[in-house]
C-alpha atoms as a PDB file:
ATOM      1  CA  MET A   1       0.000   0.000   0.000  1.00  0.00           C
ATOM      2  CA  LYS A   2       2.884   2.353   0.862  1.00  0.00           C
ATOM      3  CA  LEU A   3       4.554   1.630  -2.481  1.00  0.00           C
ATOM      4  CA  VAL A   4       1.308   2.512  -4.364  1.00  0.00           C
ATOM      5  CA  GLN A   5       1.117   5.847  -2.546  1.00  0.00           C
ATOM      6  CA  ARG A   6       4.753   6.648  -3.453  1.00  0.00           C
ATOM      7  CA  LEU A   7       4.076   5.839  -7.130  1.00  0.00           C
ATOM      8  CA  ALA A   8       0.987   8.000  -7.177  1.00  0.00           C
ATOM      9  CA  ASN A   9       2.880  10.918  -5.643  1.00  0.00           C
ATOM     10  CA  ILE A  10       5.642  10.593  -8.271  1.00  0.00           C
ATOM     11  CA  LEU A  11       3.158  10.541 -11.146  1.00  0.00           C
ATOM     12  CA  ALA A  12       1.312  13.525  -9.760  1.00  0.00           C
ATOM     13  CA  PHE A  13       4.589  15.379  -9.318  1.00  0.00           C
ATOM     14  CA  GLU A  14       5.668  14.779 -12.911  1.00  0.00           C
ATOM     15  CA  ARG A  15       2.311  15.822 -14.412  1.00  0.00           C
ATOM     16  CA  ARG A  16       1.532  18.906 -12.400  1.00  0.00           C
ATOM     17  CA  CYS A  17       1.433  22.306 -14.084  1.00  0.00           C
ATOM     18  CA  ILE A  18       1.369  25.593 -12.238  1.00  0.00           C
ATOM     19  CA  ARG A  19      -1.180  27.912 -13.838  1.00  0.00           C
ATOM     20  CA  SER A  20      -2.619  31.242 -12.902  1.00  0.00           C
ATOM     21  CA  SER A  21      -6.259  32.230 -13.030  1.00  0.00           C
ATOM     22  CA  GLY A  22      -5.802  33.915 -16.371  1.00  0.00           C
ATOM     23  CA  VAL A  23      -4.984  30.823 -18.447  1.00  0.00           C
ATOM     24  CA  VAL A  24      -6.944  30.717 -21.646  1.00  0.00           C
ATOM     25  CA  PRO A  25      -8.812  27.371 -21.795  1.00  0.00           C
ATOM     26  CA  HIS A  26      -8.456  26.937 -25.528  1.00  0.00           C
ATOM     27  CA  MET A  27      -4.645  27.138 -25.368  1.00  0.00           C
ATOM     28  CA  PRO A  28      -3.486  23.582 -24.817  1.00  0.00           C
ATOM     29  CA  ILE A  29      -0.469  23.038 -22.647  1.00  0.00           C
ATOM     30  CA  ARG A  30       1.313  19.722 -23.079  1.00  0.00           C
ATOM     31  CA  GLU A  31       2.123  18.103 -19.784  1.00  0.00           C
ATOM     32  CA  HIS A  32       4.708  15.402 -19.697  1.00  0.00           C
ATOM     33  CA  GLY A  33       8.180  14.810 -18.299  1.00  0.00           C
ATOM     34  CA  ILE A  34       9.450  17.497 -15.994  1.00  0.00           C
ATOM     35  CA  GLY A  35       7.062  20.328 -15.194  1.00  0.00           C
ATOM     36  CA  CYS A  36       4.715  21.064 -18.094  1.00  0.00           C
ATOM     37  CA  SER A  37       6.674  20.533 -21.295  1.00  0.00           C
ATOM     38  CA  GLY A  38       9.503  18.196 -20.366  1.00  0.00           C
ATOM     39  CA  TYR A  39      11.855  21.014 -19.314  1.00  0.00           C
ATOM     40  CA  PRO A  40      12.297  22.734 -15.995  1.00  0.00           C
ATOM     41  CA  ARG A  41       9.844  25.532 -16.656  1.00  0.00           C
ATOM     42  CA  GLU A  42       6.699  26.872 -15.033  1.00  0.00           C
ATOM     43  CA  CYS A  43       3.421  27.355 -16.931  1.00  0.00           C
ATOM     44  CA  VAL A  44       2.147  30.828 -16.300  1.00  0.00           C
ATOM     45  CA  SER A  45      -0.494  32.750 -18.223  1.00  0.00           C
ATOM     46  CA  SER A  46      -0.620  36.144 -19.759  1.00  0.00           C
ATOM     47  CA  GLY A  47      -3.556  37.965 -21.145  1.00  0.00           C
ATOM     48  CA  SER A  48      -3.422  36.250 -24.502  1.00  0.00           C
ATOM     49  CA  GLY A  49      -2.579  32.726 -23.491  1.00  0.00           C
ATOM     50  CA  ALA A  50      -0.051  30.515 -21.832  1.00  0.00           C
ATOM     51  CA  GLN A  51       3.548  31.603 -22.002  1.00  0.00           C
ATOM     52  CA  VAL A  52       6.652  29.798 -20.819  1.00  0.00           C
ATOM     53  CA  ARG A  53       9.482  31.459 -18.948  1.00  0.00           C
ATOM     54  CA  ARG A  54      12.522  30.045 -17.168  1.00  0.00           C
ATOM     55  CA  THR A  55      12.750  30.558 -13.454  1.00  0.00           C
ATOM     56  CA  LEU A  56      16.148  28.895 -12.709  1.00  0.00           C
ATOM     57  CA  PRO A  57      19.052  27.474 -14.723  1.00  0.00           C
ATOM     58  CA  VAL A  58      18.492  23.995 -16.119  1.00  0.00           C
ATOM     59  CA  ARG A  59      21.154  22.325 -14.004  1.00  0.00           C
ATOM     60  CA  LEU A  60      19.611  23.674 -10.779  1.00  0.00           C
ATOM     61  CA  HIS A  61      16.180  22.408 -11.800  1.00  0.00           C
ATOM     62  CA  LEU A  62      17.580  18.985 -12.595  1.00  0.00           C
ATOM     63  CA  ARG A  63      19.486  18.835  -9.307  1.00  0.00           C
ATOM     64  CA  ALA A  64      16.394  19.831  -7.330  1.00  0.00           C
ATOM     65  CA  LEU A  65      14.278  17.337  -9.240  1.00  0.00           C
ATOM     66  CA  LEU A  66      16.709  14.518  -8.493  1.00  0.00           C
ATOM     67  CA  ALA A  67      16.750  15.381  -4.803  1.00  0.00           C
ATOM     68  CA  ARG A  68      12.939  15.491  -4.663  1.00  0.00           C
ATOM     69  CA  ARG A  69      12.650  12.142  -6.426  1.00  0.00           C
ATOM     70  CA  ILE A  70      15.135  10.596  -4.012  1.00  0.00           C
ATOM     71  CA  ASP A  71      13.132  11.944  -1.088  1.00  0.00           C
ATOM     72  CA  ALA A  72       9.893  10.704  -2.647  1.00  0.00           C
ATOM     73  CA  LEU A  73      11.315   7.204  -2.982  1.00  0.00           C
ATOM     74  CA  ASP A  74      12.954   7.361   0.452  1.00  0.00           C
ATOM     75  CA  ALA A  75      16.175   6.308  -1.346  1.00  0.00           C
ATOM     76  CA  SER A  76      18.312   7.941   1.308  1.00  0.00           C
ATOM     77  CA  GLY A  77      16.875   5.467   3.785  1.00  0.00           C
ATOM     78  CA  TYR A  78      17.675   2.623   1.397  1.00  0.00           C
ATOM     79  CA  LEU A  79      21.260   3.855   1.100  1.00  0.00           C
ATOM     80  CA  ARG A  80      21.623   4.033   4.867  1.00  0.00           C
ATOM     81  CA  ASP A  81      20.272   0.518   5.240  1.00  0.00           C
ATOM     82  CA  ALA A  82      22.599  -0.806   2.521  1.00  0.00           C
ATOM     83  CA  THR A  83      25.616   0.835   4.180  1.00  0.00           C
ATOM     84  CA  LEU A  84      24.667  -0.709   7.497  1.00  0.00           C
ATOM     85  CA  ARG A  85      24.306  -4.152   5.893  1.00  0.00           C
ATOM     86  CA  VAL A  86      27.740  -3.871   4.273  1.00  0.00           C
ATOM     87  CA  ALA A  87      29.333  -2.843   7.573  1.00  0.00           C
ATOM     88  CA  ILE A  88      27.748  -5.777   9.400  1.00  0.00           C
ATOM     89  CA  LEU A  89      28.852  -8.140   6.631  1.00  0.00           C
ATOM     90  CA  LEU A  90      32.447  -6.925   6.897  1.00  0.00           C
ATOM     91  CA  VAL A  91      32.422  -7.387  10.678  1.00  0.00           C
ATOM     92  CA  PHE A  92      31.227 -10.981  10.356  1.00  0.00           C
ATOM     93  CA  LEU A  93      33.758 -11.597   7.582  1.00  0.00           C
ATOM     94  CA  PHE A  94      36.705 -10.544   9.712  1.00  0.00           C
ATOM     95  CA  LEU A  95      35.398 -12.463  12.729  1.00  0.00           C
ATOM     96  CA  SER A  96      34.958 -15.672  10.759  1.00  0.00           C
ATOM     97  CA  PRO A  97      37.640 -18.426  10.940  1.00  0.00           C
ATOM     98  CA  GLY A  98      38.531 -18.037   7.273  1.00  0.00           C
ATOM     99  CA  ALA A  99      39.006 -14.281   7.480  1.00  0.00           C
ATOM    100  CA  GLY A 100      42.775 -14.668   7.432  1.00  0.00           C
ATOM    101  CA  ARG A 101      42.731 -16.220   3.977  1.00  0.00           C
ATOM    102  CA  ALA A 102      42.293 -14.191   0.826  1.00  0.00           C
ATOM    103  CA  ALA A 103      40.053 -15.095  -2.084  1.00  0.00           C
ATOM    104  CA  GLU A 104      41.470 -17.233  -4.854  1.00  0.00           C
ATOM    105  CA  GLY A 105      44.101 -15.298  -6.779  1.00  0.00           C
ATOM    106  CA  TYR A 106      44.348 -12.456  -4.253  1.00  0.00           C
ATOM    107  CA  ARG A 107      46.534 -11.724  -1.246  1.00  0.00           C
ATOM    108  CA  ILE A 108      45.499  -9.916   1.935  1.00  0.00           C
ATOM    109  CA  TYR A 109      47.635  -6.826   2.465  1.00  0.00           C
ATOM    110  CA  GLU A 110      50.249  -7.485   5.152  1.00  0.00           C
ATOM    111  CA  SER A 111      53.661  -6.395   6.355  1.00  0.00           C
ATOM    112  CA  SER A 112      56.718  -7.087   4.242  1.00  0.00           C
ATOM    113  CA  ALA A 113      59.777  -8.835   5.653  1.00  0.00           C
ATOM    114  CA  ALA A 114      62.288  -8.043   2.903  1.00  0.00           C
ATOM    115  CA  SER A 115      62.733  -7.043  -0.712  1.00  0.00           C
ATOM    116  CA  VAL A 116      65.116  -9.084  -2.876  1.00  0.00           C
ATOM    117  CA  ASN A 117      65.914  -7.353  -6.161  1.00  0.00           C
ATOM    118  CA  GLY A 118      62.423  -5.875  -6.141  1.00  0.00           C
ATOM    119  CA  GLU A 119      60.669  -9.118  -5.172  1.00  0.00           C
ATOM    120  CA  VAL A 120      58.779  -8.647  -1.904  1.00  0.00           C
ATOM    121  CA  LEU A 121      58.834 -11.308   0.812  1.00  0.00           C
ATOM    122  CA  PHE A 122      55.969 -11.091   3.297  1.00  0.00           C
ATOM    123  CA  VAL A 123      55.974 -11.924   6.980  1.00  0.00           C
ATOM    124  CA  SER A 124      53.596 -14.829   6.365  1.00  0.00           C
ATOM    125  CA  ASP A 125      56.140 -16.314   3.941  1.00  0.00           C
ATOM    126  CA  VAL A 126      58.827 -16.166   6.641  1.00  0.00           C
ATOM    127  CA  VAL A 127      56.522 -17.722   9.255  1.00  0.00           C
ATOM    128  CA  GLN A 128      55.628 -20.497   6.832  1.00  0.00           C
ATOM    129  CA  GLU A 129      59.312 -21.142   6.040  1.00  0.00           C
ATOM    130  CA  ALA A 130      60.090 -21.458   9.737  1.00  0.00           C
ATOM    131  CA  CYS A 131      57.194 -23.891  10.142  1.00  0.00           C
ATOM    132  CA  PHE A 132      58.311 -26.145   7.285  1.00  0.00           C
ATOM    133  CA  LEU A 133      61.897 -26.223   8.562  1.00  0.00           C
ATOM    134  CA  GLY A 134      60.745 -26.830  12.136  1.00  0.00           C
ATOM    135  CA  CYS A 135      58.636 -29.786  11.007  1.00  0.00           C
ATOM    136  CA  ALA A 136      61.361 -31.169   8.679  1.00  0.00           C
ATOM    137  CA  ALA A 137      58.883 -31.355   5.814  1.00  0.00           C
ATOM    138  CA  MET A 138      61.585 -32.066   3.244  1.00  0.00           C
ATOM    139  CA  ARG A 139      62.887 -35.592   2.918  1.00  0.00           C
ATOM    140  CA  GLY A 140      66.425 -36.037   4.241  1.00  0.00           C
ATOM    141  CA  THR A 141      66.298 -33.034   6.587  1.00  0.00           C
ATOM    142  CA  VAL A 142      66.104 -32.753  10.373  1.00  0.00           C
ATOM    143  CA  LYS A 143      64.003 -30.391  12.465  1.00  0.00           C
ATOM    144  CA  GLU A 144      65.447 -26.900  12.729  1.00  0.00           C
ATOM    145  CA  ILE A 145      64.000 -24.446  15.244  1.00  0.00           C
ATOM    146  CA  LEU A 146      64.806 -21.060  13.751  1.00  0.00           C
ATOM    147  CA  SER A 147      63.923 -17.525  14.732  1.00  0.00           C
ATOM    148  CA  LEU A 148      62.050 -15.382  12.238  1.00  0.00           C
ATOM    149  CA  ARG A 149      65.239 -13.538  11.318  1.00  0.00           C
ATOM    150  CA  GLU A 150      67.042 -16.809  10.625  1.00  0.00           C
ATOM    151  CA  ALA A 151      64.096 -18.115   8.611  1.00  0.00           C
ATOM    152  CA  ARG A 152      64.065 -14.854   6.652  1.00  0.00           C
ATOM    153  CA  ASP A 153      67.755 -15.294   5.804  1.00  0.00           C
ATOM    154  CA  ARG A 154      67.035 -18.789   4.492  1.00  0.00           C
ATOM    155  CA  LEU A 155      64.122 -17.507   2.427  1.00  0.00           C
ATOM    156  CA  ILE A 156      66.251 -14.719   0.965  1.00  0.00           C
ATOM    157  CA  LEU A 157      68.905 -17.211  -0.178  1.00  0.00           C
ATOM    158  CA  ASP A 158      66.229 -19.408  -1.745  1.00  0.00           C
ATOM    159  CA  THR A 159      64.780 -16.388  -3.526  1.00  0.00           C
ATOM    160  CA  LEU A 160      68.200 -15.473  -4.935  1.00  0.00           C
ATOM    161  CA  ALA A 161      68.620 -19.011  -6.259  1.00  0.00           C
ATOM    162  CA  LEU A 162      65.166 -18.989  -7.866  1.00  0.00           C
ATOM    163  CA  GLN A 163      65.801 -15.627  -9.477  1.00  0.00           C
ATOM    164  CA  GLU A 164      69.064 -16.888 -10.937  1.00  0.00           C
ATOM    165  CA  GLN A 165      67.339 -20.072 -12.089  1.00  0.00           C
ATOM    166  CA  ARG A 166      64.699 -18.076 -13.972  1.00  0.00           C
ATOM    167  CA  LYS A 167      67.388 -15.922 -15.536  1.00  0.00           C
ATOM    168  CA  LEU A 168      69.530 -18.835 -16.745  1.00  0.00           C
ATOM    169  CA  LEU A 169      66.658 -21.279 -17.330  1.00  0.00           C
ATOM    170  CA  LEU A 170      68.451 -23.919 -15.273  1.00  0.00           C
ATOM    171  CA  GLY A 171      66.770 -26.520 -13.120  1.00  0.00           C
ATOM    172  CA  SER A 172      63.505 -28.380 -13.522  1.00  0.00           C
ATOM    173  CA  VAL A 173      61.158 -30.562 -11.479  1.00  0.00           C
ATOM    174  CA  ASP A 174      59.974 -33.979 -12.552  1.00  0.00           C
ATOM    175  CA  ASN A 175      56.253 -34.489 -11.899  1.00  0.00           C
ATOM    176  CA  VAL A 176      56.697 -38.010 -10.546  1.00  0.00           C
ATOM    177  CA  THR A 177      59.391 -36.847  -8.119  1.00  0.00           C
ATOM    178  CA  LEU A 178      57.259 -33.886  -7.104  1.00  0.00           C
ATOM    179  CA  GLU A 179      54.259 -36.075  -6.296  1.00  0.00           C
ATOM    180  CA  GLU A 180      56.395 -38.463  -4.251  1.00  0.00           C
ATOM    181  CA  TYR A 181      58.064 -35.725  -2.218  1.00  0.00           C
ATOM    182  CA  ALA A 182      54.811 -33.804  -1.784  1.00  0.00           C
ATOM    183  CA  ARG A 183      52.956 -36.815  -0.343  1.00  0.00           C
ATOM    184  CA  GLU A 184      55.766 -37.467   2.104  1.00  0.00           C
ATOM    185  CA  ALA A 185      55.896 -33.789   3.079  1.00  0.00           C
ATOM    186  CA  GLU A 186      52.156 -33.735   3.754  1.00  0.00           C
ATOM    187  CA  SER A 187      52.518 -36.794   5.979  1.00  0.00           C
ATOM    188  CA  ARG A 188      55.360 -35.143   7.876  1.00  0.00           C
ATOM    189  CA  MET A 189      53.343 -31.961   8.346  1.00  0.00           C
ATOM    190  CA  ALA A 190      50.325 -33.931   9.555  1.00  0.00           C
ATOM    191  CA  ALA A 191      52.486 -35.661  12.192  1.00  0.00           C
ATOM    192  CA  CYS A 192      54.274 -32.465  13.246  1.00  0.00           C
ATOM    193  CA  PRO A 193      53.453 -31.463  16.850  1.00  0.00           C
ATOM    194  CA  SER A 194      53.907 -27.743  16.140  1.00  0.00           C
ATOM    195  CA  PRO A 195      50.629 -25.756  16.067  1.00  0.00           C
ATOM    196  CA  CYS A 196      51.871 -23.815  13.049  1.00  0.00           C
ATOM    197  CA  ARG A 197      51.016 -26.738  10.769  1.00  0.00           C
ATOM    198  CA  ARG A 198      47.304 -25.906  11.086  1.00  0.00           C
ATOM    199  CA  GLU A 199      47.914 -22.657   9.211  1.00  0.00           C
ATOM    200  CA  VAL A 200      49.484 -24.436   6.228  1.00  0.00           C
ATOM    201  CA  ALA A 201      47.220 -25.671   3.433  1.00  0.00           C
ATOM    202  CA  THR A 202      47.906 -28.746   1.329  1.00  0.00           C
ATOM    203  CA  GLY A 203      48.579 -26.708  -1.788  1.00  0.00           C
ATOM    204  CA  GLU A 204      51.087 -24.546   0.070  1.00  0.00           C
ATOM    205  CA  THR A 205      53.050 -27.627   1.144  1.00  0.00           C
ATOM    206  CA  ARG A 206      53.201 -28.829  -2.436  1.00  0.00           C
ATOM    207  CA  GLU A 207      54.372 -25.438  -3.691  1.00  0.00           C
ATOM    208  CA  TRP A 208      57.088 -25.275  -1.004  1.00  0.00           C
ATOM    209  CA  ILE A 209      58.346 -28.738  -2.006  1.00  0.00           C
ATOM    210  CA  ARG A 210      58.348 -27.712  -5.665  1.00  0.00           C
ATOM    211  CA  ARG A 211      60.488 -24.682  -4.869  1.00  0.00           C
ATOM    212  CA  LYS A 212      62.946 -26.752  -2.824  1.00  0.00           C
ATOM    213  CA  LEU A 213      63.302 -29.358  -5.559  1.00  0.00           C
ATOM    214  CA  LEU A 214      63.788 -26.630  -8.143  1.00  0.00           C
ATOM    215  CA  ILE A 215      66.532 -25.043  -6.048  1.00  0.00           C
ATOM    216  CA  ARG A 216      68.232 -28.380  -5.488  1.00  0.00           C
ATOM    217  CA  ASP A 217      68.215 -29.196  -9.195  1.00  0.00           C
ATOM    218  CA  PHE A 218      69.513 -25.712  -9.998  1.00  0.00           C
ATOM    219  CA  PHE A 219      72.509 -26.132  -7.680  1.00  0.00           C
ATOM    220  CA  ASP A 220      73.179 -29.587  -9.127  1.00  0.00           C
ATOM    221  CA  ARG A 221      73.482 -28.005 -12.576  1.00  0.00           C
ATOM    222  CA  ARG A 222      75.121 -24.745 -11.506  1.00  0.00           C
ATOM    223  CA  VAL A 223      77.537 -25.820  -8.727  1.00  0.00           C
ATOM    224  CA  ALA A 224      77.723 -29.549  -8.024  1.00  0.00           C
ATOM    225  CA  VAL A 225      78.640 -30.500 -11.572  1.00  0.00           C
ATOM    226  CA  PHE A 226      81.887 -28.548 -11.284  1.00  0.00           C
ATOM    227  CA  VAL A 227      83.001 -29.981  -7.905  1.00  0.00           C
ATOM    228  CA  ASP A 228      85.358 -32.937  -7.808  1.00  0.00           C
ATOM    229  CA  VAL A 229      87.415 -34.802  -5.227  1.00  0.00           C
ATOM    230  CA  LYS A 230      90.836 -36.175  -6.036  1.00  0.00           C
ATOM    231  CA  SER A 231      91.629 -39.809  -5.290  1.00  0.00           C
ATOM    232  CA  ASP A 232      94.747 -38.853  -3.309  1.00  0.00           C
ATOM    233  CA  ASP A 233      92.661 -36.661  -1.001  1.00  0.00           C
ATOM    234  CA  VAL A 234      90.181 -39.507  -0.457  1.00  0.00           C
ATOM    235  CA  GLU A 235      92.949 -41.966   0.458  1.00  0.00           C
ATOM    236  CA  LYS A 236      94.548 -39.527   2.868  1.00  0.00           C
ATOM    237  CA  GLU A 237      91.215 -38.913   4.583  1.00  0.00           C
ATOM    238  CA  LEU A 238      90.550 -42.641   4.825  1.00  0.00           C
ATOM    239  CA  ALA A 239      93.960 -43.251   6.374  1.00  0.00           C
ATOM    240  CA  ARG A 240      93.419 -40.442   8.866  1.00  0.00           C
ATOM    241  CA  ARG A 241      90.069 -41.816  10.001  1.00  0.00           C
ATOM    242  CA  SER A 242      91.394 -45.365  10.246  1.00  0.00           C
ATOM    243  CA  SER A 243      94.356 -44.358  12.419  1.00  0.00           C
ATOM    244  CA  ALA A 244      92.295 -42.258  14.801  1.00  0.00           C
ATOM    245  CA  PRO A 245      91.625 -44.065  18.150  1.00  0.00           C
ATOM    246  CA  GLY A 246      88.001 -44.976  18.789  1.00  0.00           C
ATOM    247  CA  SER A 247      86.961 -44.235  15.215  1.00  0.00           C
ATOM    248  CA  GLY A 248      84.666 -47.259  15.119  1.00  0.00           C
ATOM    249  CA  PRO A 249      84.030 -49.298  11.955  1.00  0.00           C
ATOM    250  CA  LYS A 250      86.328 -48.473   9.089  1.00  0.00           C
ATOM    251  CA  PRO A 251      84.418 -46.695   6.245  1.00  0.00           C
ATOM    252  CA  THR A 252      84.840 -47.695   2.651  1.00  0.00           C
ATOM    253  CA  LEU A 253      86.683 -45.623   0.110  1.00  0.00           C
ATOM    254  CA  GLU A 254      83.459 -44.762  -1.696  1.00  0.00           C
ATOM    255  CA  GLN A 255      81.756 -43.606   1.497  1.00  0.00           C
ATOM    256  CA  VAL A 256      84.637 -41.266   2.271  1.00  0.00           C
ATOM    257  CA  ARG A 257      84.580 -39.920  -1.285  1.00  0.00           C
ATOM    258  CA  GLN A 258      80.827 -39.186  -1.127  1.00  0.00           C
ATOM    259  CA  GLU A 259      81.109 -37.470   2.249  1.00  0.00           C
ATOM    260  CA  MET A 260      83.962 -35.282   1.050  1.00  0.00           C
ATOM    261  CA  LEU A 261      82.081 -34.491  -2.150  1.00  0.00           C
ATOM    262  CA  ASP A 262      78.912 -33.478  -0.250  1.00  0.00           C
ATOM    263  CA  GLU A 263      80.950 -31.278   2.054  1.00  0.00           C
ATOM    264  CA  ARG A 264      82.672 -29.488  -0.806  1.00  0.00           C
ATOM    265  CA  ILE A 265      79.410 -29.018  -2.690  1.00  0.00           C
ATOM    266  CA  ALA A 266      77.818 -27.487   0.403  1.00  0.00           C
ATOM    267  CA  GLN A 267      80.802 -25.148   0.754  1.00  0.00           C
ATOM    268  CA  GLU A 268      80.617 -24.098  -2.893  1.00  0.00           C
ATOM    269  CA  ILE A 269      76.889 -23.413  -2.538  1.00  0.00           C
ATOM    270  CA  ARG A 270      77.569 -21.186   0.464  1.00  0.00           C
ATOM    271  CA  ASN A 271      80.237 -19.356  -1.530  1.00  0.00           C
ATOM    272  CA  TRP A 272      77.801 -18.878  -4.414  1.00  0.00           C
ATOM    273  CA  GLU A 273      75.119 -17.520  -2.083  1.00  0.00           C
ATOM    274  CA  THR A 274      77.583 -15.094  -0.498  1.00  0.00           C
ATOM    275  CA  ARG A 275      78.746 -13.769  -3.876  1.00  0.00           C
ATOM    276  CA  THR A 276      75.205 -13.473  -5.229  1.00  0.00           C
ATOM    277  CA  ALA A 277      73.902 -11.711  -2.109  1.00  0.00           C
ATOM    278  CA  SER A 278      76.765  -9.195  -2.262  1.00  0.00           C
ATOM    279  CA  LYS A 279      75.770  -8.256  -5.825  1.00  0.00           C
ATOM    280  CA  SER A 280      72.024  -8.159  -5.143  1.00  0.00           C
ATOM    281  CA  ARG A 281      69.797  -5.430  -3.759  1.00  0.00           C
ATOM    282  CA  VAL A 282      68.367  -6.785  -0.514  1.00  0.00           C
ATOM    283  CA  ILE A 283      66.297  -4.502   1.720  1.00  0.00           C
ATOM    284  CA  LEU A 284      65.285  -5.804   5.154  1.00  0.00           C
ATOM    285  CA  SER A 285      62.209  -4.560   7.001  1.00  0.00           C
ATOM    286  CA  PRO A 286      62.043  -4.299  10.805  1.00  0.00           C
ATOM    287  CA  MET A 287      60.653  -7.552  12.146  1.00  0.00           C
ATOM    288  CA  GLU A 288      60.335  -8.882  15.675  1.00  0.00           C
ATOM    289  CA  ASP A 289      60.652 -12.522  16.574  1.00  0.00           C
ATOM    290  CA  ARG A 290      57.480 -14.197  17.796  1.00  0.00           C
END
């Protein structure tokens, strides 16, 4: 019933025509649109008939007409109600358990931890790196309890390696290997006693494993392929270990060679990271340990 009254008022408003007592009956005045003739004018009469004169500029008439129509429809009340609904919706959104996660393809704005050659690392990335390392998600690793600063340093070195990999197009990940490592990493994260694992999604674990495998393959092609151990050095190391008191079971020549090779590869990787970091533009943001 209220809506019918509003519609009737609007129709009456659009069809009204202000006339004086001297309007000549036989002079027709077309009434449609705004005012009498579709323009913001008043219909007044003279002695000979109806004449039209402007009372205000067109833009002022249109602005006043819009305001009166809004008031007639009570649109301002609708706008207030809509604003209130949006505010309530936002409150419930941020209070919901999934408020900390952004929609697909978007990231919630947060603090940055560092910038590596223009690539921004966020605090959540550092926290996630510390969680993965603390849970030993990668096969062949042990649990490492790192502070956020230490985890940030690790993440910066990984970012430098990935940037170099993209530049040189070195390193790749086999899908079968990725699936195998990802399943094992998910099992390790599920069994991890740290509460941080609840903040890590399955897809994020897979992506972290993919990055680690890509970095490992990059260093195999960039560093490890150029490292070698001489046979004389292996024999000397074997003799030294065998002559040491309480050394336990005597290792084989191949075991000693592999251990020495792994140690030298790790040293060369550290040297590469130091050289690359010295030539890169790394900006650290203030960050407190949690």
